[in-house]
Amino acid sequence: MPTIHRKPTRAVRIGSITVGGGAPIAVQSMAATKTQDIEATTRQVTLIHAAGADIIRIA
């Protein structure tokens, strides 16, 4: 298996999650619903969270 060379990065915090700087990789996803549809967005966030995402983006 090839060795993966990672570039040094600066750690940043998103809420209680640290990204970069040698922190464990954070699983993230983005909701693909219209933000005006609160019920659908809430449902999708719940599913993404149940799947194990650390960070969920909503735009």
Protein backbone atom coordinates (compact mmCIF):
# COMPACT_ATOMS: atom_id res chain seq x y z
CA MET A 1 0.00 0.00 0.00
CA PRO A 2 1.45 3.42 -0.93
CA THR A 3 2.35 5.87 1.81
CA ILE A 4 0.14 8.95 1.95
CA HIS A 5 2.07 12.18 2.53
CA ARG A 6 -0.05 14.83 4.28
CA LYS A 7 0.77 18.51 4.14
CA PRO A 8 0.98 20.33 7.49
CA THR A 9 -2.18 22.32 8.16
CA ARG A 10 -3.44 24.76 10.76
CA ALA A 11 -6.12 23.48 13.15
CA VAL A 12 -9.48 25.25 13.11
CA ARG A 13 -12.55 24.58 15.21
CA ILE A 14 -16.08 24.24 13.92
CA GLY A 15 -18.17 24.15 17.07
CA SER A 16 -16.62 21.34 19.12
CA ILE A 17 -14.96 19.66 16.10
CA THR A 18 -11.31 20.34 15.24
CA VAL A 19 -10.38 20.16 11.55
CA GLY A 20 -6.76 20.05 10.35
CA GLY A 21 -3.59 20.31 12.38
CA GLY A 22 -3.29 16.55 12.76
CA ALA A 23 -6.82 16.09 14.16
CA PRO A 24 -8.70 12.95 13.12
CA ILE A 25 -10.53 13.30 9.80
CA ALA A 26 -14.04 14.71 10.33
CA VAL A 27 -16.82 13.23 8.19
CA GLN A 28 -18.97 15.97 6.72
CA SER A 29 -21.95 16.26 4.41
CA MET A 30 -24.26 18.94 3.11
CA ALA A 31 -28.05 18.92 3.19
CA ALA A 32 -29.46 18.92 -0.33
CA THR A 33 -32.84 20.42 0.48
CA LYS A 34 -34.30 23.88 0.10
CA THR A 35 -33.72 25.67 3.39
CA GLN A 36 -37.26 27.04 3.23
CA ASP A 37 -38.53 23.46 3.59
CA ILE A 38 -37.80 23.13 7.29
CA GLU A 39 -39.36 19.67 7.69
CA ALA A 40 -37.36 18.16 4.80
CA THR A 41 -34.15 19.82 5.97
CA THR A 42 -34.65 18.59 9.54
CA ARG A 43 -35.39 15.08 8.27
CA GLN A 44 -32.25 15.05 6.13
CA VAL A 45 -30.05 16.42 8.94
CA THR A 46 -31.36 13.63 11.20
CA LEU A 47 -30.49 10.99 8.56
CA ILE A 48 -27.02 12.43 7.94
CA HIS A 49 -26.34 12.55 11.69
CA ALA A 50 -27.53 8.94 12.08
CA ALA A 51 -25.13 7.93 9.29
CA GLY A 52 -22.24 9.26 11.41
CA ALA A 53 -21.41 12.71 10.03
CA ASP A 54 -19.44 14.97 12.36
CA ILE A 55 -20.27 18.17 10.44
CA ILE A 56 -23.47 18.94 8.50
CA ARG A 57 -23.55 21.99 6.25
CA ILE A 58 -26.80 23.76 5.34
CA ALA A 59 -26.94 26.44 2.67
